[in-house]
Protein backbone atom coordinates (compact mmCIF):
# COMPACT_ATOMS: atom_id res chain seq x y z
CA LEU A 1 0.00 0.00 0.00
CA THR A 2 1.55 3.30 -1.05
CA THR A 3 0.40 6.60 0.40
CA LYS A 4 1.71 10.07 -0.34
CA GLU A 5 2.96 11.81 2.78
CA LYS A 6 3.58 15.17 1.19
CA ASP A 7 2.53 16.46 -2.21
CA ARG A 8 4.75 19.33 -3.25
CA GLY A 9 2.57 20.23 -6.22
CA THR A 10 4.49 18.12 -8.73
CA ILE A 11 4.92 14.44 -9.44
CA LEU A 12 8.66 15.03 -9.70
CA ASN A 13 9.27 15.64 -6.00
CA ARG A 14 7.12 13.96 -3.34
CA ILE A 15 7.43 11.63 -0.41
CA GLU A 16 5.78 8.20 -0.57
CA ILE A 17 5.20 5.80 2.31
CA ASN A 18 5.10 2.12 1.35
CA SER A 19 3.45 -0.20 3.86
CA LYS A 20 3.42 -3.99 3.68
CA VAL A 21 -0.18 -5.19 3.82
CA GLU A 22 -0.97 -8.83 4.48
CA ASP A 23 -4.74 -8.55 3.98
CA PHE A 24 -5.64 -5.80 1.53
CA TYR A 25 -9.41 -6.25 2.02
CA GLN A 26 -9.15 -5.81 5.79
CA THR A 27 -6.85 -2.79 5.41
CA SER A 28 -9.28 -1.26 2.93
CA LYS A 29 -12.19 -1.67 5.36
CA VAL A 30 -10.20 -0.06 8.21
CA LEU A 31 -9.32 2.91 5.99
CA ASP A 32 -12.96 3.26 4.87
CA HIS A 33 -14.16 3.39 8.47
CA GLY A 34 -11.46 5.81 9.59
CA LEU A 35 -11.17 8.12 6.60
CA GLY A 36 -14.26 7.52 4.49
CA SER A 37 -14.46 5.69 1.20
CA HIS A 38 -11.44 5.67 -1.07
CA GLU A 39 -10.50 4.59 -4.55
CA SER A 40 -7.54 2.51 -5.57
CA ILE A 41 -5.52 1.62 -8.64
CA THR A 42 -4.55 -1.97 -9.33
CA LYS A 43 -1.50 -2.43 -11.52
CA THR A 44 0.89 -5.09 -12.69
CA TYR A 45 4.46 -3.89 -12.69
CA SER A 46 8.13 -4.74 -12.97
CA VAL A 47 10.92 -2.77 -11.30
CA PHE A 48 14.50 -2.68 -12.56
CA GLU A 49 17.48 -1.28 -10.64
CA VAL A 50 20.55 0.16 -12.35
CA TYR A 51 23.13 1.92 -10.15
CA GLU A 52 20.53 3.07 -7.59
CA VAL A 53 18.16 4.25 -10.31
CA PHE A 54 14.81 2.45 -10.37
CA VAL A 55 12.85 2.02 -13.58
CA SER A 56 9.27 0.81 -13.11
CA VAL A 57 7.03 -0.40 -15.93
CA TYR A 58 3.29 -0.43 -15.14
CA HIS A 59 0.09 -1.71 -16.69
CA VAL A 60 -3.02 -0.41 -14.94
CA HIS A 61 -5.85 -2.94 -14.74
CA GLY A 62 -8.91 -1.71 -16.59
CA ASP A 63 -7.09 0.99 -18.57
CA LYS A 64 -9.37 1.51 -21.57
CA LYS A 65 -6.43 2.83 -23.62
CA ASN A 66 -4.19 -0.17 -22.76
CA ARG A 67 -1.19 2.07 -22.05
CA THR A 68 2.20 1.20 -20.61
CA PHE A 69 3.61 3.58 -18.01
CA ILE A 70 7.32 3.94 -17.25
CA GLU A 71 8.60 5.66 -14.12
CA VAL A 72 12.24 6.57 -13.44
CA GLU A 73 13.34 7.31 -9.87
CA GLY A 74 16.85 8.32 -8.87
CA GLN A 75 18.91 10.14 -6.28
CA ASN A 76 18.86 13.38 -8.28
CA GLU A 77 17.29 14.91 -11.35
CA ALA A 78 20.43 14.46 -13.47
CA GLN A 79 20.26 10.67 -12.99
CA VAL A 80 16.57 10.60 -13.82
CA GLN A 81 17.03 12.72 -16.94
CA HIS A 82 19.97 10.57 -18.11
CA TYR A 83 17.98 7.33 -17.89
CA ALA A 84 14.77 8.89 -19.22
CA LYS A 85 16.67 10.10 -22.27
CA GLY A 86 18.09 6.60 -22.83
CA ILE A 87 14.65 5.00 -22.52
CA LYS A 88 13.14 7.51 -24.95
CA SER A 89 15.88 6.78 -27.50
CA MET A 90 15.39 3.03 -27.11
CA ILE A 91 11.60 3.29 -27.58
CA ARG A 92 12.06 5.46 -30.67
CA ALA A 93 14.63 3.04 -32.16
CA ASP A 94 12.63 -0.12 -31.42
CA PHE A 95 9.09 1.07 -32.11
CA GLY A 96 9.48 4.17 -34.26
CA LYS A 97 7.41 6.21 -31.84
CA ASP A 98 8.17 8.98 -29.41
CA LEU A 99 7.58 8.42 -25.73
CA LYS A 100 5.10 10.90 -24.28
CA ILE A 101 6.15 12.29 -20.90
CA SER A 102 3.21 12.97 -18.62
CA ASP A 103 3.12 15.55 -15.87
CA LYS A 104 0.33 13.58 -14.14
CA SER A 105 0.55 10.73 -11.67
CA LEU A 106 -1.43 7.50 -12.06
CA TYR A 107 -3.71 8.80 -9.28
CA GLN A 108 -4.38 11.98 -11.26
CA LEU A 109 -4.98 10.01 -14.48
CA PHE A 110 -7.17 7.23 -13.11
CA ILE A 111 -8.87 8.59 -10.01
CA ILE A 112 -9.21 12.34 -10.43
CA SER A 113 -9.85 12.50 -14.19
CA LYS A 114 -11.30 8.97 -14.59
CA ALA A 115 -9.31 8.27 -17.76
């Protein structure tokens, strides 16, 4: 279960808290009773680590557009930009398409705007 501790107004700089949940249904009920109803995103993902840079590839269950999302996390913006540039070049070379960079989080895309 991932929650955002602090949203600094951008998806590029925020603090996330990851909690191990043994029984998601029970945790969901506790949150509903304490905080009111909530919505969630279910995704299948793979995470790759390269020199303390993490590249995550997501598929969101029920995405009507059947998109693939890639997230790059690193110790600083220079690392992130370096790997993002490499991924963009690889996608362009392999698929002949440009990678679209979004300024929205999955939460903003799937919960707030109901994509």
